[in-house]
Amino acid sequence: MAIAKSAVLILLFALVCNANGAPKLPRIAGPDMFKNKNVAKDVLLPGEQIINVMDFGAKPDGRFDCTQAFMDAWQKLCHQTTGPARLLIPEGRFLVSSMYFSGPCTCQTPVTIQVKGYVMATTDISEYENGDWLMFEKHNGLKIIGGGTFDGQGKKSWEYSENCESGADSVCARNPSSLFFSDSSNVVVQGIRTANPKGFHIFVTKCTNVRLRKLKLVAPETSPNTDGIHVSHSDTVIMSRNTIATGDDCISMIQGVKNVFINRLKCGPGHGISIGSLGKYQNEEEVRGIRIQNCSLINTTNGLRVKAWPDRFAGAASDISFSNINMQNVRNPIIIDQEYECYPDCKKKPSLVRIQNVHFQNVKGTTTSPLAVDLRCSKLFGCQGVTVRDIDLKFGDAPTTSRCVNTQPLFAGLLMPPACA
């Protein structure tokens, strides 16, 4: 009888927890297949079949539409091969439209896509009704390597770009991302370049065990909503040795992101590194466990930023650290902003997002504004467990200042600007 009652209680608890229909984060699918392996080294496996897109009719002239040839080659690789194999995009210029590279595949994993050439997106925005350019979904083991370039040819579409951040609701038709990864685990993207995306350069959502290494993501400073790497609803994402110069955030992380490690990023121009905006969606998942270190930000509009909407939905962000950051001519170096898009003199209800355990340490360089540390938190919750240590930010020969609203950070070490009064 006791066992039966326990089972009923567990069932009722599960029903209550799922009553709001909130999306579930994916779990890491088995062990990390790249653990203790040198992912930087590409070795052709014994008997590995090379499937060249040119064997399926692709022409490297930059004018012929190679979409069908790419899809036929992918069908051969992913669904008609059982042993080790790789998709080869050789040198040349290949024009393609929106494509799904969907799994799971029958070939041996990880699936390898070797890009040596220059892959160009078609410019007619009406061809992207699925929302993104190159979509990779439902993979357990995927490598994109080779030193090639993905060019989104986004210039013509930027004039139609919507500002999804400033909108009053969560409905916004964003421009297509260049590389979109969803529902996948054990993914490596290494040594490739993306240029001029219509929307984000790289979008990662509902993924686990993702490594983004030695990437160069470039777009004009004036290109709208061209975030470098955008991550949501994902667990264990490692980014290292990337160079990003774009028109929006170099890296942005929103709801459901956990266990992210960013090392040796070179960012700028752009809008810096952002967590948020938070509190935009109902039943929003927490952001937790973000480590950002050994990075440089050059000529960016923002530096290290946590941002949340006032008068929206509940959310949370915790266990976040920024350390060993060099800045050069950064307008707003250190920011917690819980009055996002409502400043100055915000009259809206306070943010419902709880922010705690955020740490800024060893941040040095120059700023283009005297307010170098700006921490504006929700008067409903405040920001808990914030530390600011060893900060040296100069504004020419003039002094820099700090502002703290609804938070009492722990200041320590060298402090330029001084601690909040």
Protein backbone atom coordinates (compact mmCIF):
# COMPACT_ATOMS: atom_id res chain seq x y z
CA MET A 1 0.00 0.00 0.00
CA ALA A 2 2.85 2.40 0.88
CA ILE A 3 4.48 1.73 -2.47
CA ALA A 4 1.20 2.42 -4.28
CA LYS A 5 0.69 5.72 -2.42
CA SER A 6 4.27 6.75 -3.25
CA ALA A 7 3.72 6.00 -6.92
CA VAL A 8 0.56 8.11 -6.93
CA LEU A 9 2.34 11.01 -5.26
CA ILE A 10 5.20 10.86 -7.77
CA LEU A 11 2.73 10.84 -10.64
CA LEU A 12 0.83 13.82 -9.24
CA PHE A 13 4.09 15.73 -8.70
CA ALA A 14 5.14 15.07 -12.29
CA LEU A 15 1.80 16.29 -13.60
CA VAL A 16 2.04 19.50 -11.58
CA CYS A 17 5.59 20.16 -12.75
CA ASN A 18 4.58 19.74 -16.39
CA ALA A 19 1.28 21.60 -16.18
CA ASN A 20 2.67 24.79 -17.65
CA GLY A 21 3.94 23.03 -20.75
CA ALA A 22 7.43 24.50 -20.40
CA PRO A 23 9.94 23.05 -22.88
CA LYS A 24 12.37 20.48 -21.51
CA LEU A 25 16.08 20.94 -21.94
CA PRO A 26 17.69 18.09 -23.85
CA ARG A 27 19.88 15.76 -21.84
CA ILE A 28 23.42 14.97 -22.87
CA ALA A 29 23.02 11.96 -25.17
CA GLY A 30 25.50 9.50 -23.76
CA PRO A 31 29.18 10.21 -23.18
CA ASP A 32 31.04 13.05 -24.87
CA MET A 33 32.54 11.34 -27.93
CA PHE A 34 35.25 14.01 -28.20
CA LYS A 35 36.45 13.77 -24.58
CA ASN A 36 40.24 13.39 -24.31
CA LYS A 37 40.56 13.61 -28.10
CA ASN A 38 42.39 16.27 -30.09
CA VAL A 39 39.46 17.72 -32.01
CA ALA A 40 41.84 20.10 -33.81
CA LYS A 41 43.36 17.17 -35.70
CA ASP A 42 41.51 15.88 -38.74
CA VAL A 43 42.49 12.35 -39.69
CA LEU A 44 41.01 10.46 -42.62
CA LEU A 45 39.73 7.17 -41.22
CA PRO A 46 40.60 3.83 -42.87
CA GLY A 47 38.13 3.24 -45.66
CA GLU A 48 36.49 6.64 -45.21
CA GLN A 49 34.38 7.49 -48.24
CA ILE A 50 34.65 11.03 -49.61
CA ILE A 51 31.41 12.29 -51.10
CA ASN A 52 32.15 15.32 -53.28
CA VAL A 53 29.27 17.68 -54.08
CA MET A 54 30.69 18.17 -57.58
CA ASP A 55 30.02 14.50 -58.33
CA PHE A 56 26.32 15.32 -57.91
CA GLY A 57 26.26 18.25 -60.29
CA ALA A 58 27.49 21.21 -58.22
CA LYS A 59 29.37 23.84 -60.24
CA PRO A 60 31.97 26.07 -58.52
CA ASP A 61 31.23 29.20 -60.53
CA GLY A 62 29.22 31.20 -57.95
CA ARG A 63 26.23 31.47 -60.31
CA PHE A 64 24.77 27.99 -60.77
CA ASP A 65 22.22 27.01 -58.08
CA CYS A 66 23.87 24.04 -56.36
CA THR A 67 21.11 23.43 -53.80
CA GLN A 68 19.87 20.16 -55.28
CA ALA A 69 23.40 18.87 -55.79
CA PHE A 70 24.26 19.54 -52.15
CA MET A 71 21.08 17.84 -50.97
CA ASP A 72 21.68 14.78 -53.19
CA ALA A 73 25.22 14.48 -51.84
CA TRP A 74 23.92 14.78 -48.26
CA GLN A 75 21.30 12.11 -48.91
CA LYS A 76 24.05 9.79 -50.10
CA LEU A 77 26.26 10.53 -47.09
CA CYS A 78 23.68 10.55 -44.32
CA HIS A 79 21.07 8.04 -45.40
CA GLN A 80 22.73 5.66 -47.90
CA THR A 81 26.12 5.05 -46.28
CA THR A 82 26.94 2.85 -43.31
CA GLY A 83 30.72 3.19 -42.86
CA PRO A 84 32.92 6.24 -42.26
CA ALA A 85 32.25 9.01 -44.78
CA ARG A 86 32.53 12.76 -45.21
CA LEU A 87 30.87 15.41 -47.33
CA LEU A 88 33.45 17.42 -49.27
CA ILE A 89 32.82 20.94 -50.54
CA PRO A 90 35.98 21.56 -52.58
CA GLU A 91 37.59 24.83 -53.57
CA GLY A 92 35.42 27.09 -55.66
CA ARG A 93 32.33 29.25 -55.21
CA PHE A 94 29.04 27.42 -54.67
CA LEU A 95 25.66 29.18 -54.65
CA VAL A 96 22.96 27.50 -52.53
CA SER A 97 19.58 28.35 -51.01
CA SER A 98 18.03 27.21 -47.72
CA MET A 99 18.85 23.57 -46.85
CA TYR A 100 18.18 20.99 -44.11
CA PHE A 101 21.04 18.71 -43.12
CA SER A 102 18.86 16.49 -40.96
CA GLY A 103 19.78 13.36 -39.04
CA PRO A 104 20.17 10.93 -37.56
CA CYS A 105 22.50 9.47 -40.17
CA THR A 106 23.24 5.85 -41.01
CA CYS A 107 26.94 6.49 -41.63
CA GLN A 108 29.52 6.20 -38.88
CA THR A 109 29.54 9.13 -36.49
CA PRO A 110 30.75 11.76 -36.12
CA VAL A 111 29.53 12.92 -39.50
CA THR A 112 32.17 15.16 -41.09
CA ILE A 113 31.50 18.06 -43.45
CA GLN A 114 34.76 19.37 -44.89
CA VAL A 115 34.40 22.84 -46.38
CA LYS A 116 37.35 24.04 -48.46
CA GLY A 117 35.43 26.32 -50.79
CA TYR A 118 33.25 29.40 -50.59
CA VAL A 119 29.56 28.66 -50.00
CA MET A 120 27.26 31.55 -50.93
CA ALA A 121 23.62 32.11 -49.98
CA THR A 122 21.10 33.13 -52.60
CA THR A 123 19.91 36.70 -52.06
CA ASP A 124 16.14 36.32 -52.56
CA ILE A 125 14.79 36.47 -48.99
CA SER A 126 11.54 34.80 -50.06
CA GLU A 127 13.46 31.53 -50.53
CA TYR A 128 14.00 31.30 -46.75
CA GLU A 129 10.49 30.53 -45.60
CA ASN A 130 11.87 27.90 -43.19
CA GLY A 131 13.62 30.68 -41.31
CA ASP A 132 17.32 29.87 -41.68
CA TRP A 133 19.94 29.17 -44.33
CA LEU A 134 21.87 26.00 -43.43
CA MET A 135 20.07 23.94 -40.77
CA PHE A 136 21.66 21.01 -38.92
CA GLU A 137 19.22 19.02 -36.79
CA LYS A 138 19.00 15.75 -34.86
CA HIS A 139 22.66 14.75 -34.91
CA ASN A 140 24.73 12.92 -32.33
CA GLY A 141 28.24 13.56 -33.61
CA LEU A 142 28.86 16.24 -36.24
CA LYS A 143 32.03 18.03 -37.38
CA ILE A 144 32.19 21.02 -39.72
CA ILE A 145 35.81 21.76 -40.61
CA GLY A 146 38.07 22.66 -43.50
CA GLY A 147 38.89 26.38 -43.45
CA GLY A 148 36.19 27.40 -45.95
CA THR A 149 33.71 30.27 -45.86
CA PHE A 150 29.94 30.59 -45.58
CA ASP A 151 28.82 33.90 -47.07
CA GLY A 152 25.23 34.84 -46.23
CA GLN A 153 25.22 37.71 -48.76
CA GLY A 154 23.00 39.56 -46.32
CA LYS A 155 23.42 43.15 -47.47
CA LYS A 156 20.21 43.23 -49.52
CA SER A 157 18.15 41.78 -46.65
CA TRP A 158 19.43 44.08 -43.88
CA GLU A 159 17.05 46.86 -44.90
CA TYR A 160 14.15 44.51 -44.05
CA SER A 161 15.58 43.50 -40.66
CA GLU A 162 13.29 43.82 -37.63
CA ASN A 163 14.64 44.86 -34.25
CA CYS A 164 13.49 41.85 -32.24
CA GLU A 165 14.95 43.26 -29.04
CA SER A 166 12.99 46.49 -28.94
CA GLY A 167 9.64 44.92 -29.83
CA ALA A 168 6.92 44.98 -27.21
CA ASP A 169 6.15 41.28 -27.64
CA SER A 170 7.95 38.04 -28.43
CA VAL A 171 6.68 37.86 -32.02
CA CYS A 172 9.34 38.94 -34.49
CA ALA A 173 10.35 37.71 -37.94
CA ARG A 174 14.12 37.63 -37.66
CA ASN A 175 16.31 37.32 -40.72
CA PRO A 176 17.75 33.86 -41.52
CA SER A 177 20.77 32.68 -39.53
CA SER A 178 23.65 31.33 -41.60
CA LEU A 179 24.38 28.18 -39.55
CA PHE A 180 21.56 26.85 -37.37
CA PHE A 181 22.07 23.89 -35.00
CA SER A 182 19.15 22.27 -33.18
CA ASP A 183 18.37 19.09 -31.22
CA SER A 184 21.94 17.86 -31.54
CA SER A 185 24.81 16.70 -29.34
CA ASN A 186 28.55 16.26 -29.76
CA VAL A 187 29.02 19.02 -32.36
CA VAL A 188 32.33 20.57 -33.42
CA VAL A 189 32.54 23.60 -35.71
CA GLN A 190 36.16 24.52 -36.27
CA GLY A 191 38.34 26.71 -38.45
CA ILE A 192 35.62 28.08 -40.72
CA ARG A 193 34.60 31.62 -41.60
CA THR A 194 31.18 33.20 -41.95
CA ALA A 195 30.61 36.54 -43.62
CA ASN A 196 27.69 38.91 -44.07
CA PRO A 197 24.87 36.78 -42.65
CA LYS A 198 21.30 37.85 -43.23
CA GLY A 199 20.69 37.34 -39.49
CA PHE A 200 22.87 35.61 -36.89
CA HIS A 201 26.13 34.04 -37.98
CA ILE A 202 25.62 30.92 -35.78
CA PHE A 203 22.50 29.93 -33.83
CA VAL A 204 22.69 27.05 -31.33
CA THR A 205 19.50 25.84 -29.64
CA LYS A 206 18.43 22.67 -27.80
CA CYS A 207 21.94 21.24 -28.11
CA THR A 208 24.49 19.62 -25.78
CA ASN A 209 28.26 19.20 -25.96
CA VAL A 210 29.02 21.84 -28.60
CA ARG A 211 32.50 23.11 -29.42
CA LEU A 212 32.99 26.26 -31.51
CA ARG A 213 36.70 26.78 -32.18
CA LYS A 214 38.95 29.02 -34.24
CA LEU A 215 36.07 30.67 -36.07
CA LYS A 216 36.18 34.03 -37.84
CA LEU A 217 32.79 35.70 -38.06
CA VAL A 218 32.70 39.02 -39.91
CA ALA A 219 30.06 41.56 -40.97
CA PRO A 220 29.97 45.37 -41.17
CA GLU A 221 29.55 47.27 -37.93
CA THR A 222 26.33 48.72 -39.35
CA SER A 223 24.72 45.35 -40.18
CA PRO A 224 21.57 44.92 -38.02
CA ASN A 225 20.88 41.92 -35.75
CA THR A 226 23.93 40.00 -36.96
CA ASP A 227 24.87 38.38 -33.63
CA GLY A 228 28.03 36.31 -33.93
CA ILE A 229 27.07 33.27 -31.82
CA HIS A 230 23.60 33.09 -30.30
CA VAL A 231 22.81 30.30 -27.81
CA SER A 232 19.52 29.24 -26.20
CA HIS A 233 18.20 26.12 -24.40
CA SER A 234 21.60 24.41 -24.54
CA ASP A 235 23.92 22.68 -22.08
CA THR A 236 27.72 22.51 -22.26
CA VAL A 237 28.88 24.85 -25.01
CA ILE A 238 32.61 25.57 -25.29
CA MET A 239 33.85 28.48 -27.41
CA SER A 240 37.56 29.11 -27.82
CA ARG A 241 39.92 31.20 -29.95
CA ASN A 242 37.19 32.87 -31.97
CA THR A 243 37.36 36.25 -33.71
CA ILE A 244 34.07 38.10 -34.16
CA ALA A 245 33.55 41.49 -35.80
CA THR A 246 29.90 42.17 -36.50
CA GLY A 247 26.95 44.56 -36.15
CA ASP A 248 25.38 43.19 -32.95
CA ASP A 249 26.44 41.09 -29.95
CA CYS A 250 29.59 39.08 -30.55
CA ILE A 251 28.08 36.39 -28.32
CA SER A 252 24.56 36.38 -26.89
CA MET A 253 23.03 33.85 -24.49
CA ILE A 254 19.37 33.73 -23.54
CA GLN A 255 17.01 31.41 -21.67
CA GLY A 256 17.90 27.81 -20.87
CA VAL A 257 21.66 28.17 -21.38
CA LYS A 258 23.81 26.27 -18.89
CA ASN A 259 27.49 25.44 -18.53
CA VAL A 260 29.07 27.72 -21.12
CA PHE A 261 32.81 28.32 -21.28
CA ILE A 262 34.21 31.14 -23.44
CA ASN A 263 37.98 31.50 -23.73
CA ARG A 264 40.22 33.75 -25.83
CA LEU A 265 37.53 35.60 -27.75
CA LYS A 266 38.49 38.64 -29.80
CA CYS A 267 35.38 40.80 -30.15
CA GLY A 268 34.93 44.03 -32.04
CA PRO A 269 33.40 45.93 -33.54
CA GLY A 270 30.05 44.83 -32.18
CA HIS A 271 27.90 45.08 -29.07
CA GLY A 272 30.10 42.99 -26.78
CA ILE A 273 29.17 39.86 -24.81
CA SER A 274 25.58 39.68 -23.58
CA ILE A 275 23.56 37.46 -21.29
CA GLY A 276 19.98 38.27 -22.14
CA SER A 277 17.76 39.89 -22.72
CA LEU A 278 16.04 37.92 -19.95
CA GLY A 279 12.44 37.93 -18.82
CA LYS A 280 11.08 38.22 -22.34
CA TYR A 281 9.23 34.89 -22.45
CA GLN A 282 6.69 33.20 -20.23
CA ASN A 283 8.00 30.13 -18.32
CA GLU A 284 11.53 31.22 -19.15
CA GLU A 285 14.35 28.77 -18.33
CA GLU A 286 17.21 29.90 -16.07
CA VAL A 287 20.67 30.85 -17.33
CA ARG A 288 23.35 29.29 -15.12
CA GLY A 289 27.04 28.47 -15.07
CA ILE A 290 28.71 30.89 -17.51
CA ARG A 291 32.52 31.31 -17.53
CA ILE A 292 34.09 33.99 -19.73
CA GLN A 293 37.83 34.56 -19.52
CA ASN A 294 40.94 35.76 -21.36
CA CYS A 295 39.00 37.85 -23.89
CA SER A 296 39.58 41.18 -25.63
CA LEU A 297 36.93 43.69 -26.67
CA ILE A 298 37.89 46.44 -29.11
CA ASN A 299 35.71 49.39 -30.17
CA THR A 300 32.49 47.77 -28.97
CA THR A 301 29.38 49.63 -27.83
CA ASN A 302 29.09 47.40 -24.75
CA GLY A 303 31.48 45.18 -22.89
CA LEU A 304 30.28 42.59 -20.38
CA ARG A 305 26.51 42.80 -20.06
CA VAL A 306 23.62 41.10 -18.27
CA LYS A 307 20.30 42.56 -19.41
CA ALA A 308 16.69 41.95 -18.41
CA TRP A 309 13.34 43.45 -19.33
CA PRO A 310 11.25 45.39 -16.82
CA ASP A 311 7.51 44.69 -16.63
CA ARG A 312 7.73 41.32 -18.37
CA PHE A 313 8.12 37.72 -17.14
CA ALA A 314 10.05 35.96 -14.39
CA GLY A 315 13.48 34.51 -15.05
CA ALA A 316 16.84 33.92 -13.42
CA ALA A 317 20.56 34.13 -14.08
CA SER A 318 23.23 32.90 -11.69
CA ASP A 319 26.80 31.69 -11.34
CA ILE A 320 28.33 33.97 -13.98
CA SER A 321 31.96 35.09 -14.07
CA PHE A 322 33.97 37.42 -16.31
CA SER A 323 37.73 37.38 -15.71
CA ASN A 324 40.94 38.55 -17.36
CA ILE A 325 39.27 40.84 -19.89
CA ASN A 326 41.12 43.51 -21.88
CA MET A 327 39.12 46.43 -23.29
CA GLN A 328 40.01 49.08 -25.83
CA ASN A 329 37.66 52.01 -26.44
CA VAL A 330 34.59 50.23 -25.08
CA ARG A 331 31.62 52.54 -24.50
CA ASN A 332 29.88 50.70 -21.62
CA PRO A 333 32.41 48.27 -20.14
CA ILE A 334 30.56 46.57 -17.25
CA ILE A 335 26.76 46.50 -17.14
CA ILE A 336 23.90 44.85 -15.32
CA ASP A 337 20.78 46.41 -16.82
CA GLN A 338 17.37 45.39 -15.50
CA GLU A 339 15.73 48.38 -17.16
CA TYR A 340 16.46 47.21 -20.68
CA GLU A 341 15.00 49.45 -23.39
CA CYS A 342 13.49 51.60 -20.60
CA TYR A 343 16.30 53.99 -19.72
CA PRO A 344 16.54 56.67 -18.51
CA ASP A 345 13.74 57.41 -16.06
CA CYS A 346 11.99 54.06 -16.40
CA LYS A 347 8.37 54.15 -15.15
CA LYS A 348 7.54 50.49 -15.82
CA LYS A 349 7.08 47.81 -13.19
CA PRO A 350 10.41 46.33 -11.98
CA SER A 351 11.99 43.32 -13.61
CA LEU A 352 10.93 39.90 -12.32
CA VAL A 353 14.30 38.36 -13.18
CA ARG A 354 16.45 37.22 -10.24
CA ILE A 355 20.18 37.83 -10.79
CA GLN A 356 22.76 36.46 -8.38
CA ASN A 357 26.39 35.45 -8.09
CA VAL A 358 27.82 37.56 -10.91
CA HIS A 359 31.55 38.23 -10.74
CA PHE A 360 33.76 40.71 -12.60
CA GLN A 361 37.50 40.28 -12.04
CA ASN A 362 40.65 41.68 -13.64
CA VAL A 363 39.01 43.86 -16.28
CA LYS A 364 41.43 46.42 -17.69
CA GLY A 365 41.75 48.89 -20.54
CA THR A 366 40.07 52.03 -21.86
CA THR A 367 36.50 53.27 -22.10
CA THR A 368 34.83 55.99 -24.16
CA SER A 369 32.41 56.92 -21.37
CA PRO A 370 33.08 58.01 -17.77
CA LEU A 371 30.51 55.58 -16.30
CA ALA A 372 32.59 52.41 -16.48
CA VAL A 373 30.68 50.18 -14.03
CA ASP A 374 26.90 50.47 -14.22
CA LEU A 375 24.87 48.02 -12.13
CA ARG A 376 21.12 48.76 -12.26
CA CYS A 377 19.10 45.94 -10.72
CA SER A 378 15.45 45.28 -10.06
CA LYS A 379 14.09 47.03 -6.97
CA LEU A 380 11.87 43.99 -6.44
CA PHE A 381 14.72 41.50 -5.91
CA GLY A 382 18.01 43.38 -6.22
CA CYS A 383 21.12 41.60 -7.47
CA GLN A 384 22.64 39.26 -4.89
CA GLY A 385 26.24 38.09 -4.56
CA VAL A 386 27.81 40.50 -7.07
CA THR A 387 31.58 41.01 -6.81
CA VAL A 388 33.77 43.57 -8.58
CA ARG A 389 37.50 42.98 -8.14
CA ASP A 390 40.65 44.43 -9.72
CA ILE A 391 39.09 46.77 -12.27
CA ASP A 392 41.29 49.30 -14.10
CA LEU A 393 39.34 51.21 -16.77
CA LYS A 394 40.61 54.60 -17.96
CA PHE A 395 38.72 57.43 -19.67
CA GLY A 396 41.57 59.54 -20.99
CA ASP A 397 42.77 61.84 -18.24
CA ALA A 398 39.31 62.11 -16.66
CA PRO A 399 38.10 59.96 -13.76
CA THR A 400 35.73 57.05 -14.25
CA THR A 401 32.76 56.32 -12.01
CA SER A 402 30.56 53.47 -10.78
CA ARG A 403 26.82 53.31 -10.20
CA CYS A 404 24.98 50.71 -8.12
CA VAL A 405 21.17 50.63 -7.97
CA ASN A 406 19.36 48.00 -5.88
CA THR A 407 22.55 46.04 -5.31
CA GLN A 408 25.42 46.14 -2.82
CA PRO A 409 28.38 44.51 -4.58
CA LEU A 410 31.55 43.42 -2.85
CA PHE A 411 34.35 45.62 -4.22
CA ALA A 412 37.96 44.53 -3.70
CA GLY A 413 41.49 44.92 -5.04
CA LEU A 414 42.53 47.65 -7.46
CA LEU A 415 39.50 49.75 -8.33
CA MET A 416 39.43 52.26 -11.14
CA PRO A 417 36.65 53.46 -11.06
CA PRO A 418 36.20 53.54 -7.30
CA ALA A 419 33.49 51.50 -5.61
CA CYS A 420 29.97 52.87 -5.50
CA ALA A 421 29.40 55.34 -2.72
